[in-house]
Amino acid sequence: MLGPSLLQSLRMASEAPALTGRLPFFKDLTAREESLPFFDAPALEGHTLTSELPSAKLGMAFTHYHKTGCDFSKGLAKILSDAGAVYYDEGFDFEKNYSEVEYENGTCSASQLLSLSQVFLDEHELKIFSNPGSFFLLPTGARIVNFYRDPISLILSGYRYHGLGPESWEHEKVTCPRVEEKALNAIFERCHYHCSYFELLNSTSEEEGVIMEALMERGNIQAMQNNMKLWSGSPQVLHVSMEHLATDFNATVSCILRFLDLDNNTLGAAQELDTSSCNSASDEAKCEHATSSRHYDNEGLQILLEQHASWGPEFKAARQMSQAIFQRQASVFGCPVPE
């Protein structure tokens, strides 16, 4: 659920109140990170394909996570539906699970989507699964486009986005979505559990803020990475990232359509989803969630995450796994390969 508009968020960010009292030093926060790893780096290796892609398909599905292409996947689904290429009912997506979990010191405002009983789709039916949890059970026989994002890119994008305060949960005290209790405590103990996430991000340095964003996104990234590894051996899953779209938008859309065995005649209509032209002055609806194209200076923060003593090797292993999968997809479906 969205809170204020983007322009309102920009104004609120500039007027964000500073927290009173002393916040713990950065070293106090980093001391908690070693006990909160993302994943076992040595175990992050994709599986080889178990078989070739069957000629028959039993429906189609998109899976996405926070900051991995929610707007793009929904927009493309609608374009395909309007063109008569698929049957997509916006009102019956398997959407986010908004059930709240109360912890001792705060609230997890939404959880990952849990696996349902086995789902079967009709041949031309398209469904969207938002924020699927780890080891999610996919529809039988369907062709799946899994929207993925490099963990560091996801963290940086989330940090810039949440710093503007566009989500309603950001303004509630000690509240985050899809966050486990240890991570929530590591974030909010800094203000003695008396602040909102928005207030906290805007009362710390960028270095501290991006670490808190990493902790907040940890569960989301773990689910995304676990599922990518689980599905990496399935020929019925195509993994597409925001970096694909940034590298070559048209080639990426064509790759998706080729994988889904759909005509390429919707490529022109899909141009409305290209956010590469968005900048800090853009007020188009498609630019509301765009951060990578807003020209933030993230170089120092990226280095911080890449060289992080605990998380750096994990992020590197995740990138190596995804790159191997992307190279394989390039040879089979002609997808671009992000750098």
C-alpha atoms as a PDB file:
ATOM      1  CA  MET A   1       0.000   0.000   0.000  1.00  0.00           C
ATOM      2  CA  LEU A   2       1.450   3.342  -1.058  1.00  0.00           C
ATOM      3  CA  GLY A   3       1.545   6.292   1.276  1.00  0.00           C
ATOM      4  CA  PRO A   4       2.276   9.837   0.066  1.00  0.00           C
ATOM      5  CA  SER A   5       2.945  10.692  -3.575  1.00  0.00           C
ATOM      6  CA  LEU A   6       6.531  10.917  -4.773  1.00  0.00           C
ATOM      7  CA  LEU A   7       6.536  14.729  -4.662  1.00  0.00           C
ATOM      8  CA  GLN A   8       5.110  14.660  -1.143  1.00  0.00           C
ATOM      9  CA  SER A   9       7.750  12.101  -0.196  1.00  0.00           C
ATOM     10  CA  LEU A  10      10.557  14.320  -1.467  1.00  0.00           C
ATOM     11  CA  ARG A  11       9.214  17.183   0.631  1.00  0.00           C
ATOM     12  CA  MET A  12       8.830  14.953   3.698  1.00  0.00           C
ATOM     13  CA  ALA A  13      12.382  13.644   3.332  1.00  0.00           C
ATOM     14  CA  SER A  14      13.776  17.161   3.345  1.00  0.00           C
ATOM     15  CA  GLU A  15      11.692  18.002   6.416  1.00  0.00           C
ATOM     16  CA  ALA A  16      12.227  14.724   8.292  1.00  0.00           C
ATOM     17  CA  PRO A  17      12.629  15.404  12.010  1.00  0.00           C
ATOM     18  CA  ALA A  18      15.954  14.548  13.583  1.00  0.00           C
ATOM     19  CA  LEU A  19      15.735  12.024  16.382  1.00  0.00           C
ATOM     20  CA  THR A  20      16.542  13.445  19.781  1.00  0.00           C
ATOM     21  CA  GLY A  21      19.148  11.816  21.968  1.00  0.00           C
ATOM     22  CA  ARG A  22      22.258   9.907  21.036  1.00  0.00           C
ATOM     23  CA  LEU A  23      22.085   7.145  18.447  1.00  0.00           C
ATOM     24  CA  PRO A  24      24.571   4.306  18.953  1.00  0.00           C
ATOM     25  CA  PHE A  25      27.766   4.633  16.975  1.00  0.00           C
ATOM     26  CA  PHE A  26      28.086   2.906  13.612  1.00  0.00           C
ATOM     27  CA  LYS A  27      30.418   0.307  15.139  1.00  0.00           C
ATOM     28  CA  ASP A  28      27.624  -0.686  17.547  1.00  0.00           C
ATOM     29  CA  LEU A  29      25.378  -1.462  14.572  1.00  0.00           C
ATOM     30  CA  THR A  30      28.016  -3.379  12.634  1.00  0.00           C
ATOM     31  CA  ALA A  31      28.679  -5.548  15.683  1.00  0.00           C
ATOM     32  CA  ARG A  32      25.243  -7.072  15.126  1.00  0.00           C
ATOM     33  CA  GLU A  33      25.761  -7.925  11.462  1.00  0.00           C
ATOM     34  CA  GLU A  34      28.008 -10.951  11.902  1.00  0.00           C
ATOM     35  CA  SER A  35      25.147 -12.779  13.611  1.00  0.00           C
ATOM     36  CA  LEU A  36      22.788 -11.969  10.711  1.00  0.00           C
ATOM     37  CA  PRO A  37      24.263 -13.514   7.526  1.00  0.00           C
ATOM     38  CA  PHE A  38      22.265 -13.558   4.295  1.00  0.00           C
ATOM     39  CA  PHE A  39      23.166 -17.022   3.032  1.00  0.00           C
ATOM     40  CA  ASP A  40      25.888 -19.658   3.002  1.00  0.00           C
ATOM     41  CA  ALA A  41      28.186 -18.422   0.239  1.00  0.00           C
ATOM     42  CA  PRO A  42      29.842 -21.814  -0.551  1.00  0.00           C
ATOM     43  CA  ALA A  43      26.402 -23.357  -1.067  1.00  0.00           C
ATOM     44  CA  LEU A  44      25.336 -20.744  -3.631  1.00  0.00           C
ATOM     45  CA  GLU A  45      25.774 -22.552  -6.896  1.00  0.00           C
ATOM     46  CA  GLY A  46      23.072 -22.975  -9.517  1.00  0.00           C
ATOM     47  CA  HIS A  47      21.914 -26.364 -10.701  1.00  0.00           C
ATOM     48  CA  THR A  48      22.404 -27.609 -14.252  1.00  0.00           C
ATOM     49  CA  LEU A  49      19.276 -27.925 -16.367  1.00  0.00           C
ATOM     50  CA  THR A  50      17.458 -31.170 -15.693  1.00  0.00           C
ATOM     51  CA  SER A  51      15.763 -31.338 -19.117  1.00  0.00           C
ATOM     52  CA  GLU A  52      14.779 -29.294 -22.151  1.00  0.00           C
ATOM     53  CA  LEU A  53      11.842 -26.894 -22.156  1.00  0.00           C
ATOM     54  CA  PRO A  54       8.673 -28.905 -22.967  1.00  0.00           C
ATOM     55  CA  SER A  55       6.816 -27.750 -26.081  1.00  0.00           C
ATOM     56  CA  ALA A  56       3.524 -27.751 -24.188  1.00  0.00           C
ATOM     57  CA  LYS A  57       2.871 -25.143 -21.518  1.00  0.00           C
ATOM     58  CA  LEU A  58       0.262 -25.225 -18.802  1.00  0.00           C
ATOM     59  CA  GLY A  59      -0.132 -21.518 -18.235  1.00  0.00           C
ATOM     60  CA  MET A  60       2.318 -18.744 -17.376  1.00  0.00           C
ATOM     61  CA  ALA A  61       3.329 -16.945 -14.207  1.00  0.00           C
ATOM     62  CA  PHE A  62       5.480 -14.036 -13.085  1.00  0.00           C
ATOM     63  CA  THR A  63       7.188 -14.058  -9.692  1.00  0.00           C
ATOM     64  CA  HIS A  64       8.631 -10.874  -8.232  1.00  0.00           C
ATOM     65  CA  TYR A  65       9.933  -9.482  -4.966  1.00  0.00           C
ATOM     66  CA  HIS A  66      10.180  -5.993  -3.517  1.00  0.00           C
ATOM     67  CA  LYS A  67      12.303  -3.823  -5.853  1.00  0.00           C
ATOM     68  CA  THR A  68      12.717  -6.569  -8.490  1.00  0.00           C
ATOM     69  CA  GLY A  69      10.104  -5.446 -11.012  1.00  0.00           C
ATOM     70  CA  CYS A  70       6.631  -5.308  -9.493  1.00  0.00           C
ATOM     71  CA  ASP A  71       5.410  -2.480 -11.728  1.00  0.00           C
ATOM     72  CA  PHE A  72       7.078  -3.927 -14.823  1.00  0.00           C
ATOM     73  CA  SER A  73       5.640  -7.429 -14.369  1.00  0.00           C
ATOM     74  CA  LYS A  74       2.125  -6.130 -13.758  1.00  0.00           C
ATOM     75  CA  GLY A  75       2.412  -3.678 -16.637  1.00  0.00           C
ATOM     76  CA  LEU A  76       3.624  -6.353 -19.045  1.00  0.00           C
ATOM     77  CA  ALA A  77       0.866  -8.723 -17.924  1.00  0.00           C
ATOM     78  CA  LYS A  78      -1.757  -6.070 -18.669  1.00  0.00           C
ATOM     79  CA  ILE A  79      -0.235  -5.288 -22.082  1.00  0.00           C
ATOM     80  CA  LEU A  80      -0.243  -8.980 -23.005  1.00  0.00           C
ATOM     81  CA  SER A  81      -3.817  -9.294 -21.782  1.00  0.00           C
ATOM     82  CA  ASP A  82      -5.004  -6.229 -23.716  1.00  0.00           C
ATOM     83  CA  ALA A  83      -3.413  -7.686 -26.854  1.00  0.00           C
ATOM     84  CA  GLY A  84      -5.295 -10.954 -26.347  1.00  0.00           C
ATOM     85  CA  ALA A  85      -2.078 -12.945 -25.941  1.00  0.00           C
ATOM     86  CA  VAL A  86      -2.891 -14.175 -22.412  1.00  0.00           C
ATOM     87  CA  TYR A  87      -5.758 -14.302 -19.953  1.00  0.00           C
ATOM     88  CA  TYR A  88      -4.781 -12.144 -16.978  1.00  0.00           C
ATOM     89  CA  ASP A  89      -7.239 -11.168 -14.270  1.00  0.00           C
ATOM     90  CA  GLU A  90      -5.777  -8.363 -12.154  1.00  0.00           C
ATOM     91  CA  GLY A  91      -8.226  -9.088  -9.363  1.00  0.00           C
ATOM     92  CA  PHE A  92      -7.060 -12.650  -8.813  1.00  0.00           C
ATOM     93  CA  ASP A  93      -3.308 -12.386  -8.481  1.00  0.00           C
ATOM     94  CA  PHE A  94      -1.645 -14.283  -5.679  1.00  0.00           C
ATOM     95  CA  GLU A  95      -0.690 -11.050  -3.997  1.00  0.00           C
ATOM     96  CA  LYS A  96       1.270 -10.040  -0.949  1.00  0.00           C
ATOM     97  CA  ASN A  97       0.410 -11.636   2.356  1.00  0.00           C
ATOM     98  CA  TYR A  98      -0.423  -8.672   4.586  1.00  0.00           C
ATOM     99  CA  SER A  99      -0.826 -10.648   7.801  1.00  0.00           C
ATOM    100  CA  GLU A 100       0.991  -8.889  10.635  1.00  0.00           C
ATOM    101  CA  VAL A 101       3.336 -10.559  13.069  1.00  0.00           C
ATOM    102  CA  GLU A 102       3.783  -8.918  16.452  1.00  0.00           C
ATOM    103  CA  TYR A 103       7.223  -9.222  18.043  1.00  0.00           C
ATOM    104  CA  GLU A 104       8.186  -8.181  21.546  1.00  0.00           C
ATOM    105  CA  ASN A 105       9.504  -4.806  20.401  1.00  0.00           C
ATOM    106  CA  GLY A 106       7.773  -4.167  17.079  1.00  0.00           C
ATOM    107  CA  THR A 107       5.729  -5.354  14.111  1.00  0.00           C
ATOM    108  CA  CYS A 108       6.383  -7.275  10.899  1.00  0.00           C
ATOM    109  CA  SER A 109       3.699  -5.640   8.764  1.00  0.00           C
ATOM    110  CA  ALA A 110       3.648  -8.239   5.971  1.00  0.00           C
ATOM    111  CA  SER A 111       5.081 -11.705   5.474  1.00  0.00           C
ATOM    112  CA  GLN A 112       6.347 -13.548   2.414  1.00  0.00           C
ATOM    113  CA  LEU A 113       3.730 -15.356   0.330  1.00  0.00           C
ATOM    114  CA  LEU A 114       3.546 -18.947   1.533  1.00  0.00           C
ATOM    115  CA  SER A 115       3.360 -21.898  -0.851  1.00  0.00           C
ATOM    116  CA  LEU A 116      -0.197 -22.811  -1.663  1.00  0.00           C
ATOM    117  CA  SER A 117      -1.515 -26.234  -2.485  1.00  0.00           C
ATOM    118  CA  GLN A 118      -0.505 -27.308  -5.975  1.00  0.00           C
ATOM    119  CA  VAL A 119      -1.716 -24.741  -8.525  1.00  0.00           C
ATOM    120  CA  PHE A 120      -2.738 -25.633 -12.076  1.00  0.00           C
ATOM    121  CA  LEU A 121      -3.289 -22.984 -14.750  1.00  0.00           C
ATOM    122  CA  ASP A 122      -5.021 -23.046 -18.118  1.00  0.00           C
ATOM    123  CA  GLU A 123      -2.823 -22.900 -21.212  1.00  0.00           C
ATOM    124  CA  HIS A 124      -3.235 -19.161 -21.837  1.00  0.00           C
ATOM    125  CA  GLU A 125      -3.666 -18.088 -18.219  1.00  0.00           C
ATOM    126  CA  LEU A 126      -1.123 -15.747 -16.579  1.00  0.00           C
ATOM    127  CA  LYS A 127      -0.799 -15.297 -12.816  1.00  0.00           C
ATOM    128  CA  ILE A 128       1.489 -13.118 -10.696  1.00  0.00           C
ATOM    129  CA  PHE A 129       3.017 -14.285  -7.417  1.00  0.00           C
ATOM    130  CA  SER A 130       4.259 -11.373  -5.312  1.00  0.00           C
ATOM    131  CA  ASN A 131       7.011 -11.865  -2.705  1.00  0.00           C
ATOM    132  CA  PRO A 132       6.993 -15.679  -2.700  1.00  0.00           C
ATOM    133  CA  GLY A 133       8.675 -17.208   0.320  1.00  0.00           C
ATOM    134  CA  SER A 134      11.707 -19.490   0.205  1.00  0.00           C
ATOM    135  CA  PHE A 135      11.323 -22.792  -1.669  1.00  0.00           C
ATOM    136  CA  PHE A 136       8.026 -21.667  -3.170  1.00  0.00           C
ATOM    137  CA  LEU A 137       5.972 -24.284  -5.023  1.00  0.00           C
ATOM    138  CA  LEU A 138       5.389 -23.192  -8.627  1.00  0.00           C
ATOM    139  CA  PRO A 139       2.335 -23.992 -10.801  1.00  0.00           C
ATOM    140  CA  THR A 140       2.716 -27.400 -12.438  1.00  0.00           C
ATOM    141  CA  GLY A 141       3.805 -27.271 -16.071  1.00  0.00           C
ATOM    142  CA  ALA A 142       3.665 -23.479 -16.305  1.00  0.00           C
ATOM    143  CA  ARG A 143       6.365 -21.278 -17.806  1.00  0.00           C
ATOM    144  CA  ILE A 144       7.656 -18.929 -15.113  1.00  0.00           C
ATOM    145  CA  VAL A 145       9.425 -15.590 -15.479  1.00  0.00           C
ATOM    146  CA  ASN A 146      11.200 -14.986 -12.173  1.00  0.00           C
ATOM    147  CA  PHE A 147      12.087 -11.339 -11.641  1.00  0.00           C
ATOM    148  CA  TYR A 148      15.363 -11.167  -9.734  1.00  0.00           C
ATOM    149  CA  ARG A 149      17.754  -8.410  -8.714  1.00  0.00           C
ATOM    150  CA  ASP A 150      21.373  -8.398  -7.656  1.00  0.00           C
ATOM    151  CA  PRO A 151      21.237  -8.122  -3.828  1.00  0.00           C
ATOM    152  CA  ILE A 152      23.485  -5.052  -3.653  1.00  0.00           C
ATOM    153  CA  SER A 153      21.486  -3.295  -6.369  1.00  0.00           C
ATOM    154  CA  LEU A 154      18.267  -4.178  -4.537  1.00  0.00           C
ATOM    155  CA  ILE A 155      19.571  -2.799  -1.228  1.00  0.00           C
ATOM    156  CA  LEU A 156      20.757   0.466  -2.790  1.00  0.00           C
ATOM    157  CA  SER A 157      17.493   0.933  -4.666  1.00  0.00           C
ATOM    158  CA  GLY A 158      15.468   0.167  -1.549  1.00  0.00           C
ATOM    159  CA  TYR A 159      17.523   2.595   0.523  1.00  0.00           C
ATOM    160  CA  ARG A 160      16.967   5.474  -1.893  1.00  0.00           C
ATOM    161  CA  TYR A 161      13.279   4.634  -2.286  1.00  0.00           C
ATOM    162  CA  HIS A 162      12.495   4.251   1.420  1.00  0.00           C
ATOM    163  CA  GLY A 163      14.453   7.385   2.263  1.00  0.00           C
ATOM    164  CA  LEU A 164      11.686   9.318   0.493  1.00  0.00           C
ATOM    165  CA  GLY A 165       9.015   7.726   2.693  1.00  0.00           C
ATOM    166  CA  PRO A 166       6.480   6.633   0.016  1.00  0.00           C
ATOM    167  CA  GLU A 167       5.198   3.557   1.890  1.00  0.00           C
ATOM    168  CA  SER A 168       2.642   3.981   4.667  1.00  0.00           C
ATOM    169  CA  TRP A 169       4.325   1.429   6.971  1.00  0.00           C
ATOM    170  CA  GLU A 170       7.487   3.574   7.036  1.00  0.00           C
ATOM    171  CA  HIS A 171       5.715   6.138   9.192  1.00  0.00           C
ATOM    172  CA  GLU A 172       4.541   3.671  11.849  1.00  0.00           C
ATOM    173  CA  LYS A 173       6.724   3.113  14.913  1.00  0.00           C
ATOM    174  CA  VAL A 174       8.977   0.031  14.940  1.00  0.00           C
ATOM    175  CA  THR A 175       7.418  -1.479  11.814  1.00  0.00           C
ATOM    176  CA  CYS A 176       8.920  -3.154   8.739  1.00  0.00           C
ATOM    177  CA  PRO A 177       7.532  -5.652   6.201  1.00  0.00           C
ATOM    178  CA  ARG A 178       8.887  -9.201   5.813  1.00  0.00           C
ATOM    179  CA  VAL A 179      11.451  -8.733   8.584  1.00  0.00           C
ATOM    180  CA  GLU A 180      12.480 -11.279  11.175  1.00  0.00           C
ATOM    181  CA  GLU A 181      12.703 -10.353  14.837  1.00  0.00           C
ATOM    182  CA  LYS A 182      16.514 -10.297  15.106  1.00  0.00           C
ATOM    183  CA  ALA A 183      16.821  -7.918  12.173  1.00  0.00           C
ATOM    184  CA  LEU A 184      14.018  -5.684  13.479  1.00  0.00           C
ATOM    185  CA  ASN A 185      15.766  -5.428  16.844  1.00  0.00           C
ATOM    186  CA  ALA A 186      19.131  -4.652  15.230  1.00  0.00           C
ATOM    187  CA  ILE A 187      17.491  -1.784  13.320  1.00  0.00           C
ATOM    188  CA  PHE A 188      15.278  -0.183  15.942  1.00  0.00           C
ATOM    189  CA  GLU A 189      17.343  -0.643  19.093  1.00  0.00           C
ATOM    190  CA  ARG A 190      19.266   2.377  17.826  1.00  0.00           C
ATOM    191  CA  CYS A 191      16.320   4.643  18.714  1.00  0.00           C
ATOM    192  CA  HIS A 192      15.296   2.569  21.738  1.00  0.00           C
ATOM    193  CA  TYR A 193      12.233   1.355  19.786  1.00  0.00           C
ATOM    194  CA  HIS A 194      10.639   4.817  19.715  1.00  0.00           C
ATOM    195  CA  CYS A 195      10.881   5.776  16.037  1.00  0.00           C
ATOM    196  CA  SER A 196       9.634   4.881  12.575  1.00  0.00           C
ATOM    197  CA  TYR A 197      11.824   3.458   9.825  1.00  0.00           C
ATOM    198  CA  PHE A 198      11.504   6.710   7.869  1.00  0.00           C
ATOM    199  CA  GLU A 199      12.649   8.781  10.843  1.00  0.00           C
ATOM    200  CA  LEU A 200      15.560   6.441  11.425  1.00  0.00           C
ATOM    201  CA  LEU A 201      16.801   6.498   7.815  1.00  0.00           C
ATOM    202  CA  ASN A 202      16.711  10.270   7.804  1.00  0.00           C
ATOM    203  CA  SER A 203      18.548  10.632  11.122  1.00  0.00           C
ATOM    204  CA  THR A 204      21.673   8.640  10.268  1.00  0.00           C
ATOM    205  CA  SER A 205      24.524   8.744   7.800  1.00  0.00           C
ATOM    206  CA  GLU A 206      24.136   7.112   4.383  1.00  0.00           C
ATOM    207  CA  GLU A 207      26.540   4.358   5.444  1.00  0.00           C
ATOM    208  CA  GLU A 208      24.431   3.506   8.490  1.00  0.00           C
ATOM    209  CA  GLY A 209      21.222   3.847   6.503  1.00  0.00           C
ATOM    210  CA  VAL A 210      22.243   1.390   3.816  1.00  0.00           C
ATOM    211  CA  ILE A 211      23.237  -1.174   6.465  1.00  0.00           C
ATOM    212  CA  MET A 212      19.805  -0.813   8.066  1.00  0.00           C
ATOM    213  CA  GLU A 213      18.179  -1.210   4.645  1.00  0.00           C
ATOM    214  CA  ALA A 214      20.194  -4.398   4.114  1.00  0.00           C
ATOM    215  CA  LEU A 215      18.943  -5.751   7.436  1.00  0.00           C
ATOM    216  CA  MET A 216      15.360  -4.779   6.573  1.00  0.00           C
ATOM    217  CA  GLU A 217      15.571  -6.447   3.130  1.00  0.00           C
ATOM    218  CA  ARG A 218      17.389  -9.526   4.452  1.00  0.00           C
ATOM    219  CA  GLY A 219      14.379 -11.882   4.529  1.00  0.00           C
ATOM    220  CA  ASN A 220      13.240 -10.705   1.103  1.00  0.00           C
ATOM    221  CA  ILE A 221      16.706 -11.274  -0.386  1.00  0.00           C
ATOM    222  CA  GLN A 222      17.037 -14.685   1.247  1.00  0.00           C
ATOM    223  CA  ALA A 223      13.743 -15.844  -0.277  1.00  0.00           C
ATOM    224  CA  MET A 224      14.718 -14.440  -3.683  1.00  0.00           C
ATOM    225  CA  GLN A 225      18.115 -16.157  -3.616  1.00  0.00           C
ATOM    226  CA  ASN A 226      16.820 -19.480  -2.268  1.00  0.00           C
ATOM    227  CA  ASN A 227      14.181 -19.643  -4.984  1.00  0.00           C
ATOM    228  CA  MET A 228      16.607 -18.724  -7.742  1.00  0.00           C
ATOM    229  CA  LYS A 229      18.880 -21.564  -6.671  1.00  0.00           C
ATOM    230  CA  LEU A 230      15.968 -23.993  -6.328  1.00  0.00           C
ATOM    231  CA  TRP A 231      14.578 -23.121  -9.769  1.00  0.00           C
ATOM    232  CA  SER A 232      17.936 -22.780 -11.548  1.00  0.00           C
ATOM    233  CA  GLY A 233      17.760 -26.388 -12.765  1.00  0.00           C
ATOM    234  CA  SER A 234      14.265 -26.061 -14.196  1.00  0.00           C
ATOM    235  CA  PRO A 235      13.967 -25.320 -17.932  1.00  0.00           C
ATOM    236  CA  GLN A 236      10.511 -23.883 -17.234  1.00  0.00           C
ATOM    237  CA  VAL A 237      11.864 -20.848 -15.346  1.00  0.00           C
ATOM    238  CA  LEU A 238      13.447 -17.787 -16.973  1.00  0.00           C
ATOM    239  CA  HIS A 239      15.327 -15.485 -14.598  1.00  0.00           C
ATOM    240  CA  VAL A 240      15.137 -11.790 -15.519  1.00  0.00           C
ATOM    241  CA  SER A 241      16.650  -8.918 -13.559  1.00  0.00           C
ATOM    242  CA  MET A 242      16.300  -5.159 -13.490  1.00  0.00           C
ATOM    243  CA  GLU A 243      19.868  -5.131 -14.788  1.00  0.00           C
ATOM    244  CA  HIS A 244      18.642  -6.977 -17.914  1.00  0.00           C
ATOM    245  CA  LEU A 245      16.138  -4.216 -18.625  1.00  0.00           C
ATOM    246  CA  ALA A 246      18.745  -1.516 -18.027  1.00  0.00           C
ATOM    247  CA  THR A 247      21.246  -3.264 -20.331  1.00  0.00           C
ATOM    248  CA  ASP A 248      18.856  -3.694 -23.286  1.00  0.00           C
ATOM    249  CA  PHE A 249      15.158  -3.152 -22.684  1.00  0.00           C
ATOM    250  CA  ASN A 250      13.913  -4.352 -26.082  1.00  0.00           C
ATOM    251  CA  ALA A 251      16.116  -7.446 -26.146  1.00  0.00           C
ATOM    252  CA  THR A 252      14.942  -8.375 -22.645  1.00  0.00           C
ATOM    253  CA  VAL A 253      11.244  -8.052 -23.512  1.00  0.00           C
ATOM    254  CA  SER A 254      11.822 -10.050 -26.713  1.00  0.00           C
ATOM    255  CA  CYS A 255      13.588 -12.719 -24.668  1.00  0.00           C
ATOM    256  CA  ILE A 256      10.627 -12.964 -22.283  1.00  0.00           C
ATOM    257  CA  LEU A 257       8.148 -13.239 -25.148  1.00  0.00           C
ATOM    258  CA  ARG A 258      10.282 -15.883 -26.872  1.00  0.00           C
ATOM    259  CA  PHE A 259      10.444 -17.938 -23.691  1.00  0.00           C
ATOM    260  CA  LEU A 260       6.673 -17.675 -23.208  1.00  0.00           C
ATOM    261  CA  ASP A 261       6.145 -18.649 -26.862  1.00  0.00           C
ATOM    262  CA  LEU A 262       4.262 -15.421 -27.562  1.00  0.00           C
ATOM    263  CA  ASP A 263       4.408 -13.169 -30.618  1.00  0.00           C
ATOM    264  CA  ASN A 264       6.741 -10.182 -30.510  1.00  0.00           C
ATOM    265  CA  ASN A 265       4.022  -7.778 -31.681  1.00  0.00           C
ATOM    266  CA  THR A 266       3.536  -6.371 -28.166  1.00  0.00           C
ATOM    267  CA  LEU A 267       7.101  -5.054 -28.009  1.00  0.00           C
ATOM    268  CA  GLY A 268       6.008  -1.599 -29.147  1.00  0.00           C
ATOM    269  CA  ALA A 269       3.345  -1.296 -26.455  1.00  0.00           C
ATOM    270  CA  ALA A 270       5.872  -2.397 -23.824  1.00  0.00           C
ATOM    271  CA  GLN A 271       7.918   0.776 -24.405  1.00  0.00           C
ATOM    272  CA  GLU A 272       5.680   2.568 -21.914  1.00  0.00           C
ATOM    273  CA  LEU A 273       7.295   0.426 -19.194  1.00  0.00           C
ATOM    274  CA  ASP A 274      10.865   1.532 -19.980  1.00  0.00           C
ATOM    275  CA  THR A 275      12.076   3.693 -17.072  1.00  0.00           C
ATOM    276  CA  SER A 276      15.497   4.508 -18.526  1.00  0.00           C
ATOM    277  CA  SER A 277      14.334   8.056 -19.286  1.00  0.00           C
ATOM    278  CA  CYS A 278      13.243   8.735 -15.674  1.00  0.00           C
ATOM    279  CA  ASN A 279      15.183  11.298 -13.666  1.00  0.00           C
ATOM    280  CA  SER A 280      14.762  13.336 -10.509  1.00  0.00           C
ATOM    281  CA  ALA A 281      12.251  15.636 -12.230  1.00  0.00           C
ATOM    282  CA  SER A 282      10.082  12.873 -13.712  1.00  0.00           C
ATOM    283  CA  ASP A 283       6.482  12.768 -12.536  1.00  0.00           C
ATOM    284  CA  GLU A 284       5.201   9.974 -14.804  1.00  0.00           C
ATOM    285  CA  ALA A 285       3.481   7.060 -13.082  1.00  0.00           C
ATOM    286  CA  LYS A 286       6.072   4.608 -14.425  1.00  0.00           C
ATOM    287  CA  CYS A 287       8.820   6.596 -12.672  1.00  0.00           C
ATOM    288  CA  GLU A 288       7.264   6.482  -9.193  1.00  0.00           C
ATOM    289  CA  HIS A 289       9.322   3.473  -8.054  1.00  0.00           C
ATOM    290  CA  ALA A 290      12.357   4.055 -10.277  1.00  0.00           C
ATOM    291  CA  THR A 291      15.595   4.724  -8.405  1.00  0.00           C
ATOM    292  CA  SER A 292      18.422   3.376 -10.578  1.00  0.00           C
ATOM    293  CA  SER A 293      17.678   5.962 -13.269  1.00  0.00           C
ATOM    294  CA  ARG A 294      17.575   8.927 -10.860  1.00  0.00           C
ATOM    295  CA  HIS A 295      21.353   9.341 -10.900  1.00  0.00           C
ATOM    296  CA  TYR A 296      22.115   8.892  -7.208  1.00  0.00           C
ATOM    297  CA  ASP A 297      25.781   8.698  -6.322  1.00  0.00           C
ATOM    298  CA  ASN A 298      25.898   5.159  -4.904  1.00  0.00           C
ATOM    299  CA  GLU A 299      29.550   4.361  -5.609  1.00  0.00           C
ATOM    300  CA  GLY A 300      30.738   4.616  -2.012  1.00  0.00           C
ATOM    301  CA  LEU A 301      27.759   2.669  -0.660  1.00  0.00           C
ATOM    302  CA  GLN A 302      28.246  -0.046  -3.255  1.00  0.00           C
ATOM    303  CA  ILE A 303      31.894  -0.425  -2.253  1.00  0.00           C
ATOM    304  CA  LEU A 304      30.820  -0.571   1.405  1.00  0.00           C
ATOM    305  CA  LEU A 305      28.538  -3.540   0.678  1.00  0.00           C
ATOM    306  CA  GLU A 306      30.942  -5.269  -1.715  1.00  0.00           C
ATOM    307  CA  GLN A 307      33.761  -5.085   0.840  1.00  0.00           C
ATOM    308  CA  HIS A 308      31.632  -5.813   3.896  1.00  0.00           C
ATOM    309  CA  ALA A 309      33.547  -8.318   6.022  1.00  0.00           C
ATOM    310  CA  SER A 310      30.547 -10.602   6.611  1.00  0.00           C
ATOM    311  CA  TRP A 311      28.223  -9.940   3.710  1.00  0.00           C
ATOM    312  CA  GLY A 312      30.666  -9.135   0.895  1.00  0.00           C
ATOM    313  CA  PRO A 313      31.578 -12.781   0.103  1.00  0.00           C
ATOM    314  CA  GLU A 314      27.889 -13.727   0.199  1.00  0.00           C
ATOM    315  CA  PHE A 315      26.904 -11.004  -2.264  1.00  0.00           C
ATOM    316  CA  LYS A 316      29.797 -12.004  -4.527  1.00  0.00           C
ATOM    317  CA  ALA A 317      28.673 -15.647  -4.532  1.00  0.00           C
ATOM    318  CA  ALA A 318      25.121 -14.575  -5.360  1.00  0.00           C
ATOM    319  CA  ARG A 319      26.351 -12.524  -8.311  1.00  0.00           C
ATOM    320  CA  GLN A 320      28.488 -15.387  -9.622  1.00  0.00           C
ATOM    321  CA  MET A 321      25.523 -17.753  -9.502  1.00  0.00           C
ATOM    322  CA  SER A 322      23.204 -15.345 -11.293  1.00  0.00           C
ATOM    323  CA  GLN A 323      25.793 -14.538 -13.970  1.00  0.00           C
ATOM    324  CA  ALA A 324      26.223 -18.239 -14.781  1.00  0.00           C
ATOM    325  CA  ILE A 325      22.457 -18.569 -15.205  1.00  0.00           C
ATOM    326  CA  PHE A 326      22.254 -15.415 -17.334  1.00  0.00           C
ATOM    327  CA  GLN A 327      25.015 -16.665 -19.631  1.00  0.00           C
ATOM    328  CA  ARG A 328      23.121 -19.920 -20.150  1.00  0.00           C
ATOM    329  CA  GLN A 329      19.882 -18.081 -20.929  1.00  0.00           C
ATOM    330  CA  ALA A 330      21.654 -15.880 -23.464  1.00  0.00           C
ATOM    331  CA  SER A 331      22.634 -18.914 -25.522  1.00  0.00           C
ATOM    332  CA  VAL A 332      19.158 -20.467 -25.351  1.00  0.00           C
ATOM    333  CA  PHE A 333      16.767 -17.512 -25.614  1.00  0.00           C
ATOM    334  CA  GLY A 334      18.957 -14.634 -26.783  1.00  0.00           C
ATOM    335  CA  CYS A 335      18.625 -12.687 -23.547  1.00  0.00           C
ATOM    336  CA  PRO A 336      21.139  -9.891 -22.952  1.00  0.00           C
ATOM    337  CA  VAL A 337      23.742 -10.482 -20.273  1.00  0.00           C
ATOM    338  CA  PRO A 338      23.983  -7.719 -17.654  1.00  0.00           C
ATOM    339  CA  GLU A 339      27.456  -6.663 -16.550  1.00  0.00           C
END
